[in-house]
C-alpha atoms as a PDB file:
ATOM      1  CA  UNK A   1      24.917 -42.121   0.773  1.00  0.00           C
ATOM      2  CA  UNK A   2      24.454 -39.221   3.469  1.00  0.00           C
ATOM      3  CA  UNK A   3      23.147 -42.229   6.062  1.00  0.00           C
ATOM      4  CA  UNK A   4      26.241 -44.098   5.131  1.00  0.00           C
ATOM      5  CA  UNK A   5      28.702 -41.661   5.934  1.00  0.00           C
ATOM      6  CA  UNK A   6      26.855 -40.353   9.259  1.00  0.00           C
ATOM      7  CA  UNK A   7      27.248 -43.803  10.345  1.00  0.00           C
ATOM      8  CA  UNK A   8      31.047 -43.575  10.369  1.00  0.00           C
ATOM      9  CA  UNK A   9      30.817 -40.500  12.474  1.00  0.00           C
ATOM     10  CA  UNK A  10      28.241 -41.907  15.038  1.00  0.00           C
ATOM     11  CA  UNK A  11      30.466 -45.274  15.036  1.00  0.00           C
ATOM     12  CA  UNK A  12      33.729 -42.710  16.017  1.00  0.00           C
ATOM     13  CA  UNK A  13      36.016 -41.746  13.424  1.00  0.00           C
ATOM     14  CA  UNK A  14      39.377 -43.438  13.667  1.00  0.00           C
ATOM     15  CA  UNK A  15      42.919 -41.907  13.344  1.00  0.00           C
ATOM     16  CA  UNK A  16      44.959 -42.257   9.897  1.00  0.00           C
ATOM     17  CA  UNK A  17      48.067 -41.547   8.897  1.00  0.00           C
ATOM     18  CA  UNK A  18      48.629 -39.219   6.472  1.00  0.00           C
ATOM     19  CA  UNK A  19      52.358 -40.035   5.780  1.00  0.00           C
ATOM     20  CA  UNK A  20      53.934 -43.069   4.595  1.00  0.00           C
ATOM     21  CA  UNK A  21      57.701 -44.324   5.153  1.00  0.00           C
ATOM     22  CA  UNK A  22      58.366 -44.309   1.158  1.00  0.00           C
ATOM     23  CA  UNK A  23      61.020 -42.365  -0.981  1.00  0.00           C
ATOM     24  CA  UNK A  24      58.507 -41.469  -3.607  1.00  0.00           C
ATOM     25  CA  UNK A  25      55.753 -38.890  -4.030  1.00  0.00           C
ATOM     26  CA  UNK A  26      55.099 -35.790  -2.633  1.00  0.00           C
ATOM     27  CA  UNK A  27      57.828 -35.383   0.452  1.00  0.00           C
ATOM     28  CA  UNK A  28      56.585 -34.038   4.084  1.00  0.00           C
ATOM     29  CA  UNK A  29      58.524 -31.169   4.984  1.00  0.00           C
ATOM     30  CA  UNK A  30      61.700 -31.647   6.990  1.00  0.00           C
ATOM     31  CA  UNK A  31      61.342 -35.287   6.514  1.00  0.00           C
ATOM     32  CA  UNK A  32      62.322 -34.966   2.391  1.00  0.00           C
ATOM     33  CA  UNK A  33      63.605 -38.365   1.418  1.00  0.00           C
ATOM     34  CA  UNK A  34      62.251 -41.053   4.062  1.00  0.00           C
ATOM     35  CA  UNK A  35      58.559 -40.126   4.343  1.00  0.00           C
ATOM     36  CA  UNK A  36      56.038 -39.033   1.617  1.00  0.00           C
ATOM     37  CA  UNK A  37      52.391 -37.614   2.094  1.00  0.00           C
ATOM     38  CA  UNK A  38      49.619 -40.484   1.755  1.00  0.00           C
ATOM     39  CA  UNK A  39      48.369 -40.439  -1.816  1.00  0.00           C
ATOM     40  CA  UNK A  40      44.565 -39.515  -0.702  1.00  0.00           C
ATOM     41  CA  UNK A  41      45.709 -36.876   1.370  1.00  0.00           C
ATOM     42  CA  UNK A  42      47.722 -34.897  -1.044  1.00  0.00           C
ATOM     43  CA  UNK A  43      45.490 -35.962  -4.188  1.00  0.00           C
ATOM     44  CA  UNK A  44      42.695 -33.665  -2.602  1.00  0.00           C
ATOM     45  CA  UNK A  45      45.271 -30.830  -2.350  1.00  0.00           C
ATOM     46  CA  UNK A  46      46.451 -31.828  -6.295  1.00  0.00           C
ATOM     47  CA  UNK A  47      42.502 -30.951  -7.427  1.00  0.00           C
ATOM     48  CA  UNK A  48      42.798 -27.130  -6.276  1.00  0.00           C
ATOM     49  CA  UNK A  49      46.567 -26.638  -7.427  1.00  0.00           C
ATOM     50  CA  UNK A  50      45.965 -28.470 -10.634  1.00  0.00           C
ATOM     51  CA  UNK A  51      42.545 -26.070 -11.152  1.00  0.00           C
ATOM     52  CA  UNK A  52      44.468 -23.249 -10.415  1.00  0.00           C
ATOM     53  CA  UNK A  53      46.998 -23.455 -12.761  1.00  0.00           C
ATOM     54  CA  UNK A  54      44.280 -24.409 -15.739  1.00  0.00           C
ATOM     55  CA  UNK A  55      42.362 -21.278 -14.410  1.00  0.00           C
ATOM     56  CA  UNK A  56      45.382 -19.042 -14.466  1.00  0.00           C
ATOM     57  CA  UNK A  57      46.617 -20.421 -17.833  1.00  0.00           C
ATOM     58  CA  UNK A  58      43.225 -19.108 -19.254  1.00  0.00           C
ATOM     59  CA  UNK A  59      43.604 -15.510 -17.625  1.00  0.00           C
ATOM     60  CA  UNK A  60      42.132 -15.899 -13.967  1.00  0.00           C
ATOM     61  CA  UNK A  61      43.758 -13.719 -11.782  1.00  0.00           C
ATOM     62  CA  UNK A  62      41.716 -14.251  -8.518  1.00  0.00           C
ATOM     63  CA  UNK A  63      41.456 -17.950  -8.058  1.00  0.00           C
ATOM     64  CA  UNK A  64      40.150 -17.846  -4.842  1.00  0.00           C
ATOM     65  CA  UNK A  65      37.072 -16.161  -5.811  1.00  0.00           C
ATOM     66  CA  UNK A  66      36.856 -18.238  -9.265  1.00  0.00           C
ATOM     67  CA  UNK A  67      36.952 -21.454  -7.260  1.00  0.00           C
ATOM     68  CA  UNK A  68      34.479 -20.223  -4.477  1.00  0.00           C
ATOM     69  CA  UNK A  69      32.062 -19.193  -7.221  1.00  0.00           C
ATOM     70  CA  UNK A  70      31.796 -22.272  -9.386  1.00  0.00           C
ATOM     71  CA  UNK A  71      29.709 -25.310  -8.719  1.00  0.00           C
ATOM     72  CA  UNK A  72      32.196 -27.888  -8.123  1.00  0.00           C
ATOM     73  CA  UNK A  73      31.409 -31.474  -8.742  1.00  0.00           C
ATOM     74  CA  UNK A  74      33.793 -34.567  -7.797  1.00  0.00           C
ATOM     75  CA  UNK A  75      32.892 -37.587  -9.725  1.00  0.00           C
ATOM     76  CA  UNK A  76      34.443 -40.814  -7.692  1.00  0.00           C
ATOM     77  CA  UNK A  77      33.871 -44.276  -7.242  1.00  0.00           C
ATOM     78  CA  UNK A  78      32.358 -46.228  -4.333  1.00  0.00           C
ATOM     79  CA  UNK A  79      35.684 -47.465  -3.416  1.00  0.00           C
ATOM     80  CA  UNK A  80      36.913 -44.264  -2.249  1.00  0.00           C
ATOM     81  CA  UNK A  81      34.067 -42.722  -0.729  1.00  0.00           C
ATOM     82  CA  UNK A  82      35.817 -42.703   2.696  1.00  0.00           C
ATOM     83  CA  UNK A  83      38.644 -40.528   1.267  1.00  0.00           C
ATOM     84  CA  UNK A  84      36.299 -37.692  -0.238  1.00  0.00           C
ATOM     85  CA  UNK A  85      33.317 -37.859   2.124  1.00  0.00           C
ATOM     86  CA  UNK A  86      35.870 -37.451   5.198  1.00  0.00           C
ATOM     87  CA  UNK A  87      39.348 -36.668   4.117  1.00  0.00           C
ATOM     88  CA  UNK A  88      38.563 -33.894   1.854  1.00  0.00           C
ATOM     89  CA  UNK A  89      36.090 -31.706   3.760  1.00  0.00           C
ATOM     90  CA  UNK A  90      38.427 -32.055   6.967  1.00  0.00           C
ATOM     91  CA  UNK A  91      41.311 -30.918   4.982  1.00  0.00           C
ATOM     92  CA  UNK A  92      39.187 -28.071   3.076  1.00  0.00           C
ATOM     93  CA  UNK A  93      37.375 -26.968   6.413  1.00  0.00           C
ATOM     94  CA  UNK A  94      41.092 -27.139   8.357  1.00  0.00           C
ATOM     95  CA  UNK A  95      42.416 -24.543   5.527  1.00  0.00           C
ATOM     96  CA  UNK A  96      39.141 -22.210   5.679  1.00  0.00           C
ATOM     97  CA  UNK A  97      39.369 -20.905   2.443  1.00  0.00           C
ATOM     98  CA  UNK A  98      38.075 -23.230  -0.115  1.00  0.00           C
ATOM     99  CA  UNK A  99      34.447 -24.393  -0.562  1.00  0.00           C
ATOM    100  CA  UNK A 100      33.602 -27.831  -0.545  1.00  0.00           C
ATOM    101  CA  UNK A 101      32.052 -29.859  -3.306  1.00  0.00           C
ATOM    102  CA  UNK A 102      28.277 -28.977  -4.063  1.00  0.00           C
ATOM    103  CA  UNK A 103      27.718 -32.448  -5.166  1.00  0.00           C
ATOM    104  CA  UNK A 104      29.820 -35.779  -5.331  1.00  0.00           C
ATOM    105  CA  UNK A 105      28.149 -38.171  -7.668  1.00  0.00           C
ATOM    106  CA  UNK A 106      29.497 -41.338  -6.540  1.00  0.00           C
ATOM    107  CA  UNK A 107      29.394 -44.661  -9.232  1.00  0.00           C
ATOM    108  CA  UNK A 108      29.754 -48.212  -8.628  1.00  0.00           C
ATOM    109  CA  UNK A 109      32.558 -50.582 -10.423  1.00  0.00           C
ATOM    110  CA  UNK A 110      32.970 -51.487 -13.695  1.00  0.00           C
ATOM    111  CA  UNK A 111      32.765 -55.246 -14.620  1.00  0.00           C
ATOM    112  CA  UNK A 112      33.650 -57.134 -17.816  1.00  0.00           C
ATOM    113  CA  UNK A 113      31.415 -59.925 -19.027  1.00  0.00           C
ATOM    114  CA  UNK A 114      30.346 -60.471 -15.249  1.00  0.00           C
ATOM    115  CA  UNK A 115      33.583 -60.608 -13.763  1.00  0.00           C
ATOM    116  CA  UNK A 116      36.183 -58.223 -12.304  1.00  0.00           C
ATOM    117  CA  UNK A 117      38.852 -56.682 -14.993  1.00  0.00           C
ATOM    118  CA  UNK A 118      42.411 -58.525 -14.721  1.00  0.00           C
ATOM    119  CA  UNK A 119      45.346 -57.806 -16.563  1.00  0.00           C
ATOM    120  CA  UNK A 120      47.505 -60.686 -15.385  1.00  0.00           C
ATOM    121  CA  UNK A 121      44.631 -63.043 -16.044  1.00  0.00           C
ATOM    122  CA  UNK A 122      43.765 -61.874 -19.355  1.00  0.00           C
ATOM    123  CA  UNK A 123      40.309 -60.668 -18.466  1.00  0.00           C
ATOM    124  CA  UNK A 124      40.587 -56.909 -19.617  1.00  0.00           C
ATOM    125  CA  UNK A 125      40.000 -54.643 -22.776  1.00  0.00           C
ATOM    126  CA  UNK A 126      43.014 -52.581 -23.952  1.00  0.00           C
ATOM    127  CA  UNK A 127      41.399 -49.390 -24.763  1.00  0.00           C
ATOM    128  CA  UNK A 128      44.310 -49.044 -27.683  1.00  0.00           C
ATOM    129  CA  UNK A 129      43.188 -52.213 -29.228  1.00  0.00           C
ATOM    130  CA  UNK A 130      39.727 -50.966 -28.731  1.00  0.00           C
ATOM    131  CA  UNK A 131      39.962 -47.973 -30.489  1.00  0.00           C
ATOM    132  CA  UNK A 132      41.819 -49.919 -33.693  1.00  0.00           C
ATOM    133  CA  UNK A 133      38.580 -51.375 -34.056  1.00  0.00           C
ATOM    134  CA  UNK A 134      36.056 -49.172 -32.994  1.00  0.00           C
ATOM    135  CA  UNK A 135      35.365 -45.439 -32.644  1.00  0.00           C
ATOM    136  CA  UNK A 136      35.564 -43.637 -29.731  1.00  0.00           C
ATOM    137  CA  UNK A 137      32.175 -42.895 -29.737  1.00  0.00           C
ATOM    138  CA  UNK A 138      30.952 -46.123 -29.513  1.00  0.00           C
ATOM    139  CA  UNK A 139      32.481 -46.725 -26.026  1.00  0.00           C
ATOM    140  CA  UNK A 140      31.428 -43.365 -24.989  1.00  0.00           C
ATOM    141  CA  UNK A 141      28.030 -43.624 -26.373  1.00  0.00           C
ATOM    142  CA  UNK A 142      27.821 -47.231 -24.336  1.00  0.00           C
ATOM    143  CA  UNK A 143      29.299 -46.628 -21.314  1.00  0.00           C
ATOM    144  CA  UNK A 144      26.879 -43.178 -20.791  1.00  0.00           C
ATOM    145  CA  UNK A 145      23.752 -45.250 -21.929  1.00  0.00           C
ATOM    146  CA  UNK A 146      24.141 -48.129 -19.440  1.00  0.00           C
ATOM    147  CA  UNK A 147      25.763 -45.886 -16.411  1.00  0.00           C
ATOM    148  CA  UNK A 148      22.873 -45.328 -14.270  1.00  0.00           C
ATOM    149  CA  UNK A 149      23.015 -42.425 -11.474  1.00  0.00           C
ATOM    150  CA  UNK A 150      23.632 -44.951  -8.582  1.00  0.00           C
ATOM    151  CA  UNK A 151      26.558 -46.945  -6.989  1.00  0.00           C
ATOM    152  CA  UNK A 152      25.316 -49.898  -8.727  1.00  0.00           C
ATOM    153  CA  UNK A 153      28.015 -52.178 -10.605  1.00  0.00           C
ATOM    154  CA  UNK A 154      28.043 -51.581 -14.689  1.00  0.00           C
ATOM    155  CA  UNK A 155      28.682 -54.884 -16.601  1.00  0.00           C
ATOM    156  CA  UNK A 156      30.436 -54.285 -19.692  1.00  0.00           C
ATOM    157  CA  UNK A 157      29.373 -57.255 -22.203  1.00  0.00           C
ATOM    158  CA  UNK A 158      30.371 -57.232 -25.730  1.00  0.00           C
ATOM    159  CA  UNK A 159      26.860 -58.693 -27.001  1.00  0.00           C
ATOM    160  CA  UNK A 160      24.981 -55.843 -25.131  1.00  0.00           C
ATOM    161  CA  UNK A 161      27.643 -53.310 -26.519  1.00  0.00           C
ATOM    162  CA  UNK A 162      26.653 -54.399 -30.213  1.00  0.00           C
ATOM    163  CA  UNK A 163      23.307 -54.349 -29.565  1.00  0.00           C
ATOM    164  CA  UNK A 164      23.161 -51.335 -28.060  1.00  0.00           C
ATOM    165  CA  UNK A 165      25.525 -49.270 -30.805  1.00  0.00           C
ATOM    166  CA  UNK A 166      23.363 -51.162 -33.702  1.00  0.00           C
ATOM    167  CA  UNK A 167      20.022 -50.273 -32.582  1.00  0.00           C
ATOM    168  CA  UNK A 168      20.217 -47.085 -30.909  1.00  0.00           C
ATOM    169  CA  UNK A 169      23.584 -45.156 -32.371  1.00  0.00           C
ATOM    170  CA  UNK A 170      23.060 -46.522 -35.624  1.00  0.00           C
ATOM    171  CA  UNK A 171      19.858 -47.567 -36.654  1.00  0.00           C
ATOM    172  CA  UNK A 172      17.924 -44.454 -35.084  1.00  0.00           C
ATOM    173  CA  UNK A 173      20.386 -41.666 -35.076  1.00  0.00           C
ATOM    174  CA  UNK A 174      23.030 -42.553 -37.932  1.00  0.00           C
ATOM    175  CA  UNK A 175      19.837 -43.769 -40.073  1.00  0.00           C
ATOM    176  CA  UNK A 176      17.933 -40.486 -39.522  1.00  0.00           C
ATOM    177  CA  UNK A 177      21.129 -38.263 -40.297  1.00  0.00           C
ATOM    178  CA  UNK A 178      21.847 -40.369 -43.655  1.00  0.00           C
ATOM    179  CA  UNK A 179      18.182 -40.437 -44.742  1.00  0.00           C
ATOM    180  CA  UNK A 180      17.805 -36.813 -44.415  1.00  0.00           C
ATOM    181  CA  UNK A 181      20.579 -35.530 -45.788  1.00  0.00           C
ATOM    182  CA  UNK A 182      20.570 -37.986 -48.827  1.00  0.00           C
ATOM    183  CA  UNK A 183      16.837 -36.869 -49.545  1.00  0.00           C
ATOM    184  CA  UNK A 184      18.023 -33.491 -49.431  1.00  0.00           C
ATOM    185  CA  UNK A 185      20.903 -33.952 -51.362  1.00  0.00           C
ATOM    186  CA  UNK A 186      19.123 -35.780 -54.250  1.00  0.00           C
ATOM    187  CA  UNK A 187      15.732 -33.688 -54.301  1.00  0.00           C
ATOM    188  CA  UNK A 188      17.031 -30.047 -53.550  1.00  0.00           C
ATOM    189  CA  UNK A 189      20.735 -30.300 -54.740  1.00  0.00           C
ATOM    190  CA  UNK A 190      21.390 -30.169 -50.911  1.00  0.00           C
ATOM    191  CA  UNK A 191      19.388 -26.827 -50.177  1.00  0.00           C
ATOM    192  CA  UNK A 192      17.492 -26.224 -47.138  1.00  0.00           C
ATOM    193  CA  UNK A 193      14.204 -25.607 -48.725  1.00  0.00           C
ATOM    194  CA  UNK A 194      11.465 -22.545 -48.007  1.00  0.00           C
ATOM    195  CA  UNK A 195       8.690 -23.936 -45.746  1.00  0.00           C
ATOM    196  CA  UNK A 196       5.933 -22.109 -47.450  1.00  0.00           C
ATOM    197  CA  UNK A 197       3.131 -24.273 -46.371  1.00  0.00           C
ATOM    198  CA  UNK A 198       3.874 -24.364 -42.620  1.00  0.00           C
ATOM    199  CA  UNK A 199       1.208 -26.170 -40.156  1.00  0.00           C
ATOM    200  CA  UNK A 200       0.438 -26.708 -36.934  1.00  0.00           C
ATOM    201  CA  UNK A 201       1.820 -30.390 -37.042  1.00  0.00           C
ATOM    202  CA  UNK A 202       5.577 -28.758 -37.675  1.00  0.00           C
ATOM    203  CA  UNK A 203       4.740 -26.017 -35.142  1.00  0.00           C
ATOM    204  CA  UNK A 204       3.640 -28.755 -32.709  1.00  0.00           C
ATOM    205  CA  UNK A 205       7.193 -30.720 -33.510  1.00  0.00           C
ATOM    206  CA  UNK A 206       8.839 -27.304 -32.882  1.00  0.00           C
ATOM    207  CA  UNK A 207       7.408 -27.170 -29.535  1.00  0.00           C
ATOM    208  CA  UNK A 208       7.981 -30.985 -28.614  1.00  0.00           C
ATOM    209  CA  UNK A 209      11.720 -30.436 -29.524  1.00  0.00           C
ATOM    210  CA  UNK A 210      11.980 -27.412 -27.234  1.00  0.00           C
ATOM    211  CA  UNK A 211      10.389 -29.246 -24.446  1.00  0.00           C
ATOM    212  CA  UNK A 212      12.695 -32.321 -24.786  1.00  0.00           C
ATOM    213  CA  UNK A 213      15.959 -29.953 -24.757  1.00  0.00           C
ATOM    214  CA  UNK A 214      14.498 -28.553 -21.594  1.00  0.00           C
ATOM    215  CA  UNK A 215      14.161 -32.082 -20.125  1.00  0.00           C
ATOM    216  CA  UNK A 216      17.486 -32.868 -21.388  1.00  0.00           C
ATOM    217  CA  UNK A 217      18.947 -29.769 -19.406  1.00  0.00           C
ATOM    218  CA  UNK A 218      17.320 -30.691 -16.557  1.00  0.00           C
ATOM    219  CA  UNK A 219      18.780 -34.068 -16.595  1.00  0.00           C
ATOM    220  CA  UNK A 220      22.128 -33.370 -17.127  1.00  0.00           C
ATOM    221  CA  UNK A 221      22.230 -30.673 -14.470  1.00  0.00           C
ATOM    222  CA  UNK A 222      20.895 -33.641 -12.162  1.00  0.00           C
ATOM    223  CA  UNK A 223      24.097 -35.969 -13.407  1.00  0.00           C
ATOM    224  CA  UNK A 224      21.287 -38.363 -15.098  1.00  0.00           C
ATOM    225  CA  UNK A 225      23.323 -38.641 -18.091  1.00  0.00           C
ATOM    226  CA  UNK A 226      21.870 -42.034 -18.931  1.00  0.00           C
ATOM    227  CA  UNK A 227      18.471 -40.532 -19.043  1.00  0.00           C
ATOM    228  CA  UNK A 228      19.676 -37.274 -21.113  1.00  0.00           C
ATOM    229  CA  UNK A 229      21.354 -39.680 -23.856  1.00  0.00           C
ATOM    230  CA  UNK A 230      17.922 -41.897 -23.581  1.00  0.00           C
ATOM    231  CA  UNK A 231      15.796 -38.990 -24.550  1.00  0.00           C
ATOM    232  CA  UNK A 232      18.225 -37.847 -27.234  1.00  0.00           C
ATOM    233  CA  UNK A 233      17.621 -41.396 -28.735  1.00  0.00           C
ATOM    234  CA  UNK A 234      14.028 -41.720 -28.205  1.00  0.00           C
ATOM    235  CA  UNK A 235      13.925 -37.617 -30.003  1.00  0.00           C
ATOM    236  CA  UNK A 236      15.532 -39.371 -33.205  1.00  0.00           C
ATOM    237  CA  UNK A 237      12.949 -41.961 -32.878  1.00  0.00           C
ATOM    238  CA  UNK A 238      10.372 -39.231 -33.065  1.00  0.00           C
ATOM    239  CA  UNK A 239      11.665 -37.514 -35.803  1.00  0.00           C
ATOM    240  CA  UNK A 240      12.133 -40.662 -37.903  1.00  0.00           C
ATOM    241  CA  UNK A 241       8.532 -41.249 -37.326  1.00  0.00           C
ATOM    242  CA  UNK A 242       7.664 -37.913 -38.439  1.00  0.00           C
ATOM    243  CA  UNK A 243       9.680 -37.874 -41.927  1.00  0.00           C
ATOM    244  CA  UNK A 244       8.334 -41.482 -42.641  1.00  0.00           C
ATOM    245  CA  UNK A 245       4.676 -40.319 -41.508  1.00  0.00           C
ATOM    246  CA  UNK A 246       4.803 -37.197 -44.075  1.00  0.00           C
ATOM    247  CA  UNK A 247       6.114 -39.477 -46.827  1.00  0.00           C
ATOM    248  CA  UNK A 248       7.975 -36.359 -48.590  1.00  0.00           C
ATOM    249  CA  UNK A 249       9.186 -38.356 -51.358  1.00  0.00           C
ATOM    250  CA  UNK A 250       5.512 -38.970 -52.371  1.00  0.00           C
ATOM    251  CA  UNK A 251       3.798 -35.875 -50.887  1.00  0.00           C
ATOM    252  CA  UNK A 252       5.775 -32.888 -52.842  1.00  0.00           C
ATOM    253  CA  UNK A 253       3.589 -30.112 -51.321  1.00  0.00           C
ATOM    254  CA  UNK A 254       4.781 -30.820 -47.960  1.00  0.00           C
ATOM    255  CA  UNK A 255       8.299 -32.038 -48.638  1.00  0.00           C
ATOM    256  CA  UNK A 256       9.449 -28.102 -48.179  1.00  0.00           C
ATOM    257  CA  UNK A 257       8.396 -27.996 -44.353  1.00  0.00           C
ATOM    258  CA  UNK A 258       9.097 -31.485 -43.593  1.00  0.00           C
ATOM    259  CA  UNK A 259      12.804 -31.172 -44.630  1.00  0.00           C
ATOM    260  CA  UNK A 260      13.269 -27.555 -43.506  1.00  0.00           C
ATOM    261  CA  UNK A 261      12.108 -28.889 -39.859  1.00  0.00           C
ATOM    262  CA  UNK A 262      14.267 -32.248 -40.209  1.00  0.00           C
ATOM    263  CA  UNK A 263      17.589 -30.422 -41.080  1.00  0.00           C
ATOM    264  CA  UNK A 264      17.207 -27.948 -38.368  1.00  0.00           C
ATOM    265  CA  UNK A 265      16.272 -30.924 -36.060  1.00  0.00           C
ATOM    266  CA  UNK A 266      19.574 -32.453 -36.929  1.00  0.00           C
ATOM    267  CA  UNK A 267      21.266 -29.512 -35.466  1.00  0.00           C
ATOM    268  CA  UNK A 268      19.472 -29.892 -32.353  1.00  0.00           C
ATOM    269  CA  UNK A 269      20.401 -33.451 -32.239  1.00  0.00           C
ATOM    270  CA  UNK A 270      24.366 -32.430 -32.741  1.00  0.00           C
ATOM    271  CA  UNK A 271      24.355 -30.022 -29.764  1.00  0.00           C
ATOM    272  CA  UNK A 272      22.440 -32.691 -27.447  1.00  0.00           C
ATOM    273  CA  UNK A 273      24.543 -35.256 -28.659  1.00  0.00           C
ATOM    274  CA  UNK A 274      28.309 -33.527 -28.534  1.00  0.00           C
ATOM    275  CA  UNK A 275      28.632 -34.302 -24.609  1.00  0.00           C
ATOM    276  CA  UNK A 276      28.664 -37.689 -25.509  1.00  0.00           C
ATOM    277  CA  UNK A 277      29.588 -38.715 -28.752  1.00  0.00           C
ATOM    278  CA  UNK A 278      31.780 -35.141 -29.813  1.00  0.00           C
ATOM    279  CA  UNK A 279      33.612 -36.850 -32.801  1.00  0.00           C
ATOM    280  CA  UNK A 280      30.110 -37.719 -34.596  1.00  0.00           C
ATOM    281  CA  UNK A 281      28.320 -34.941 -33.640  1.00  0.00           C
ATOM    282  CA  UNK A 282      31.186 -32.703 -34.795  1.00  0.00           C
ATOM    283  CA  UNK A 283      31.005 -34.461 -37.988  1.00  0.00           C
ATOM    284  CA  UNK A 284      27.222 -33.809 -38.345  1.00  0.00           C
ATOM    285  CA  UNK A 285      27.688 -29.921 -37.288  1.00  0.00           C
ATOM    286  CA  UNK A 286      30.546 -29.784 -40.407  1.00  0.00           C
ATOM    287  CA  UNK A 287      28.004 -31.182 -42.647  1.00  0.00           C
ATOM    288  CA  UNK A 288      25.140 -29.388 -41.665  1.00  0.00           C
ATOM    289  CA  UNK A 289      27.709 -26.448 -42.620  1.00  0.00           C
ATOM    290  CA  UNK A 290      26.526 -24.664 -39.445  1.00  0.00           C
ATOM    291  CA  UNK A 291      28.587 -21.485 -38.675  1.00  0.00           C
ATOM    292  CA  UNK A 292      30.898 -21.825 -35.220  1.00  0.00           C
ATOM    293  CA  UNK A 293      32.203 -24.194 -33.380  1.00  0.00           C
ATOM    294  CA  UNK A 294      30.063 -26.936 -31.886  1.00  0.00           C
ATOM    295  CA  UNK A 295      31.537 -26.806 -28.502  1.00  0.00           C
ATOM    296  CA  UNK A 296      30.752 -23.129 -27.927  1.00  0.00           C
ATOM    297  CA  UNK A 297      26.990 -22.921 -28.930  1.00  0.00           C
ATOM    298  CA  UNK A 298      25.063 -23.138 -25.711  1.00  0.00           C
ATOM    299  CA  UNK A 299      22.030 -25.540 -24.993  1.00  0.00           C
ATOM    300  CA  UNK A 300      19.992 -22.471 -25.376  1.00  0.00           C
ATOM    301  CA  UNK A 301      20.217 -22.318 -29.166  1.00  0.00           C
ATOM    302  CA  UNK A 302      19.394 -26.092 -29.624  1.00  0.00           C
ATOM    303  CA  UNK A 303      15.627 -25.315 -29.370  1.00  0.00           C
ATOM    304  CA  UNK A 304      15.778 -22.711 -32.355  1.00  0.00           C
ATOM    305  CA  UNK A 305      15.817 -23.230 -35.866  1.00  0.00           C
ATOM    306  CA  UNK A 306      18.745 -21.382 -37.107  1.00  0.00           C
ATOM    307  CA  UNK A 307      19.468 -23.277 -40.546  1.00  0.00           C
ATOM    308  CA  UNK A 308      17.642 -21.043 -42.900  1.00  0.00           C
ATOM    309  CA  UNK A 309      15.857 -21.551 -46.385  1.00  0.00           C
ATOM    310  CA  UNK A 310      18.692 -21.836 -49.170  1.00  0.00           C
ATOM    311  CA  UNK A 311      21.352 -22.793 -47.069  1.00  0.00           C
ATOM    312  CA  UNK A 312      23.550 -25.647 -48.399  1.00  0.00           C
ATOM    313  CA  UNK A 313      24.782 -28.600 -46.685  1.00  0.00           C
ATOM    314  CA  UNK A 314      27.530 -30.757 -47.703  1.00  0.00           C
ATOM    315  CA  UNK A 315      27.378 -34.162 -49.315  1.00  0.00           C
ATOM    316  CA  UNK A 316      25.473 -36.871 -47.382  1.00  0.00           C
ATOM    317  CA  UNK A 317      27.811 -39.541 -45.429  1.00  0.00           C
ATOM    318  CA  UNK A 318      27.257 -42.722 -43.583  1.00  0.00           C
ATOM    319  CA  UNK A 319      28.228 -41.629 -39.579  1.00  0.00           C
ATOM    320  CA  UNK A 320      28.484 -45.220 -38.344  1.00  0.00           C
ATOM    321  CA  UNK A 321      29.664 -48.813 -39.414  1.00  0.00           C
ATOM    322  CA  UNK A 322      27.505 -51.300 -37.962  1.00  0.00           C
ATOM    323  CA  UNK A 323      29.406 -53.886 -35.551  1.00  0.00           C
ATOM    324  CA  UNK A 324      29.330 -57.024 -36.882  1.00  0.00           C
ATOM    325  CA  UNK A 325      28.867 -60.113 -34.890  1.00  0.00           C
ATOM    326  CA  UNK A 326      32.180 -61.623 -36.359  1.00  0.00           C
ATOM    327  CA  UNK A 327      34.089 -58.990 -34.523  1.00  0.00           C
ATOM    328  CA  UNK A 328      32.171 -59.283 -31.274  1.00  0.00           C
ATOM    329  CA  UNK A 329      32.811 -63.046 -31.351  1.00  0.00           C
ATOM    330  CA  UNK A 330      36.789 -62.150 -31.919  1.00  0.00           C
ATOM    331  CA  UNK A 331      36.716 -59.825 -28.771  1.00  0.00           C
ATOM    332  CA  UNK A 332      34.908 -62.543 -26.458  1.00  0.00           C
ATOM    333  CA  UNK A 333      37.282 -65.518 -27.503  1.00  0.00           C
ATOM    334  CA  UNK A 334      40.022 -62.908 -27.074  1.00  0.00           C
ATOM    335  CA  UNK A 335      39.223 -62.898 -23.447  1.00  0.00           C
ATOM    336  CA  UNK A 336      39.065 -66.479 -22.840  1.00  0.00           C
ATOM    337  CA  UNK A 337      42.349 -66.958 -24.348  1.00  0.00           C
END
């Protein structure tokens, strides 16, 4: 992207009118009713003004210091890089008070079954209709998992959507949550047991989880959201393997330490999942009976085993419903119609 922008400058920048002969929009001073500011000129001013309104509502008194002391990211699509890499810096530098963005993560287009969205041709997905059929977390999970940190286009395909939800979100994360909480309910009256025979294996697992949290932190800070979510899915695979290998339904002696470890790891997963699937992560948090709001828990606490022996969780429940083949066929048919 850097070389791309520099090539514009080397070729010579062109003058660009910042007004339009229209009556709607932000009026040009002295020409109200006949001219308005070009949308991508006043939009950049709006980024600052709406942020100032938000900050002041939350008690910030010196917004300029607040803005300049913050890390600022502008998430944009590749079709508006000219406006964000050239217009925006020119405005900020001309004013001289407000810092430039630290990063401008740029993404490609979202396609649908290999084609551009078109409402006139019926080639689109109504968000309202989507939410009648599927939970919002399904869309959030799928788009996060399939959108890489690049300007490559993302192709939403219904079959891939079903596979991603059924195989990663449900079969791995949802299955882990249900089997652990259900086992605890059936064998321990939903109370976390005391891990009296703590072993090297459990200590190694705890360190492995802490290392995963550190990697997750680095990925999120680097805007590598797809990789961060992939790490969470892989961690859930690891925890499923740990549970299966120790067979607590057979080994009564080691069952307590396994359940204690797994319940605390479910809390870790809830914290890691919250930015991507907030509704189901909050549900996990509530069923675990953890104190405090999940949104206010720092990532650092995800490394710790804070659920103590004797703590009682709520009754187990199934988090997700499988995406059926019939539902997918219905959605694809609606497009061709």
